[in-house]
């Protein structure tokens, strides 16, 4: 699968994002877009209470850290 194919799959509006796409998204350089889409998709619990604590496990799965 090419990077272009990965990018298209991840940012397609009709696509339902899953955990399996995180690594592909990171490799394609669009991890932040994927986190946003994951939160908007309804898979995140209590979206109205998103904090650095609730984002850390998601970002950790992407190999990212929140700067203090």
C-alpha atoms as a PDB file:
ATOM      1  CA  UNK A   1       0.000   0.000   0.000  1.00  0.00           C
ATOM      2  CA  UNK A   2       1.447   3.348  -0.969  1.00  0.00           C
ATOM      3  CA  UNK A   3       1.501   6.453   1.180  1.00  0.00           C
ATOM      4  CA  UNK A   4      -0.971   8.123  -1.184  1.00  0.00           C
ATOM      5  CA  UNK A   5      -3.430   5.244  -0.750  1.00  0.00           C
ATOM      6  CA  UNK A   6      -3.086   5.392   3.037  1.00  0.00           C
ATOM      7  CA  UNK A   7      -3.689   9.151   3.089  1.00  0.00           C
ATOM      8  CA  UNK A   8      -6.798   8.800   0.913  1.00  0.00           C
ATOM      9  CA  UNK A   9      -8.228   6.031   3.093  1.00  0.00           C
ATOM     10  CA  UNK A  10      -7.655   7.851   6.369  1.00  0.00           C
ATOM     11  CA  UNK A  11      -9.083  11.243   5.382  1.00  0.00           C
ATOM     12  CA  UNK A  12     -12.081   9.970   3.420  1.00  0.00           C
ATOM     13  CA  UNK A  13     -15.154  11.364   5.170  1.00  0.00           C
ATOM     14  CA  UNK A  14     -17.142   8.130   4.923  1.00  0.00           C
ATOM     15  CA  UNK A  15     -14.326   6.039   6.346  1.00  0.00           C
ATOM     16  CA  UNK A  16     -14.841   4.671   9.857  1.00  0.00           C
ATOM     17  CA  UNK A  17     -11.489   4.877  11.548  1.00  0.00           C
ATOM     18  CA  UNK A  18     -10.227   2.029  13.681  1.00  0.00           C
ATOM     19  CA  UNK A  19      -7.157   1.299  15.767  1.00  0.00           C
ATOM     20  CA  UNK A  20      -5.565  -0.551  12.839  1.00  0.00           C
ATOM     21  CA  UNK A  21      -5.276   2.737  10.953  1.00  0.00           C
ATOM     22  CA  UNK A  22      -3.182   4.516  13.612  1.00  0.00           C
ATOM     23  CA  UNK A  23       0.166   3.124  12.520  1.00  0.00           C
ATOM     24  CA  UNK A  24      -0.604   3.741   8.851  1.00  0.00           C
ATOM     25  CA  UNK A  25      -1.647   7.310   9.611  1.00  0.00           C
ATOM     26  CA  UNK A  26       1.503   7.951  11.616  1.00  0.00           C
ATOM     27  CA  UNK A  27       3.644   6.651   8.766  1.00  0.00           C
ATOM     28  CA  UNK A  28       1.765   8.900   6.358  1.00  0.00           C
ATOM     29  CA  UNK A  29       2.455  11.889   8.597  1.00  0.00           C
ATOM     30  CA  UNK A  30      -1.162  12.725   9.407  1.00  0.00           C
ATOM     31  CA  UNK A  31      -1.465  11.499  12.990  1.00  0.00           C
ATOM     32  CA  UNK A  32      -3.104  14.701  14.239  1.00  0.00           C
ATOM     33  CA  UNK A  33      -5.850  14.458  11.608  1.00  0.00           C
ATOM     34  CA  UNK A  34      -6.506  10.877  12.636  1.00  0.00           C
ATOM     35  CA  UNK A  35      -6.814  11.796  16.322  1.00  0.00           C
ATOM     36  CA  UNK A  36      -9.303  14.524  15.390  1.00  0.00           C
ATOM     37  CA  UNK A  37     -11.331  12.138  13.215  1.00  0.00           C
ATOM     38  CA  UNK A  38     -11.289   9.483  15.957  1.00  0.00           C
ATOM     39  CA  UNK A  39     -12.696  11.971  18.478  1.00  0.00           C
ATOM     40  CA  UNK A  40     -15.322  13.227  16.024  1.00  0.00           C
ATOM     41  CA  UNK A  41     -16.350   9.703  15.024  1.00  0.00           C
ATOM     42  CA  UNK A  42     -17.988   9.077  18.383  1.00  0.00           C
ATOM     43  CA  UNK A  43     -15.583   6.325  19.410  1.00  0.00           C
ATOM     44  CA  UNK A  44     -14.237   8.521  22.210  1.00  0.00           C
ATOM     45  CA  UNK A  45     -16.261   8.494  25.420  1.00  0.00           C
ATOM     46  CA  UNK A  46     -17.447  11.811  26.883  1.00  0.00           C
ATOM     47  CA  UNK A  47     -16.232  13.930  23.973  1.00  0.00           C
ATOM     48  CA  UNK A  48     -17.369  17.063  25.787  1.00  0.00           C
ATOM     49  CA  UNK A  49     -14.762  16.387  28.492  1.00  0.00           C
ATOM     50  CA  UNK A  50     -11.652  15.908  26.359  1.00  0.00           C
ATOM     51  CA  UNK A  51      -8.534  16.770  28.371  1.00  0.00           C
ATOM     52  CA  UNK A  52      -4.818  16.090  28.129  1.00  0.00           C
ATOM     53  CA  UNK A  53      -5.401  13.059  30.362  1.00  0.00           C
ATOM     54  CA  UNK A  54      -7.972  11.561  28.000  1.00  0.00           C
ATOM     55  CA  UNK A  55      -5.863  12.332  24.926  1.00  0.00           C
ATOM     56  CA  UNK A  56      -2.631  10.863  26.316  1.00  0.00           C
ATOM     57  CA  UNK A  57      -3.529   7.164  25.705  1.00  0.00           C
ATOM     58  CA  UNK A  58      -4.532   7.978  22.129  1.00  0.00           C
ATOM     59  CA  UNK A  59      -1.396   9.997  21.442  1.00  0.00           C
ATOM     60  CA  UNK A  60       0.694   7.372  23.222  1.00  0.00           C
ATOM     61  CA  UNK A  61      -0.571   4.784  20.751  1.00  0.00           C
ATOM     62  CA  UNK A  62       0.716   7.079  18.014  1.00  0.00           C
ATOM     63  CA  UNK A  63       4.083   7.487  19.711  1.00  0.00           C
ATOM     64  CA  UNK A  64       3.390  11.146  20.492  1.00  0.00           C
ATOM     65  CA  UNK A  65       3.610  13.078  23.769  1.00  0.00           C
ATOM     66  CA  UNK A  66       1.800  16.155  25.044  1.00  0.00           C
ATOM     67  CA  UNK A  67       4.234  18.982  25.795  1.00  0.00           C
ATOM     68  CA  UNK A  68       3.861  20.389  29.335  1.00  0.00           C
END
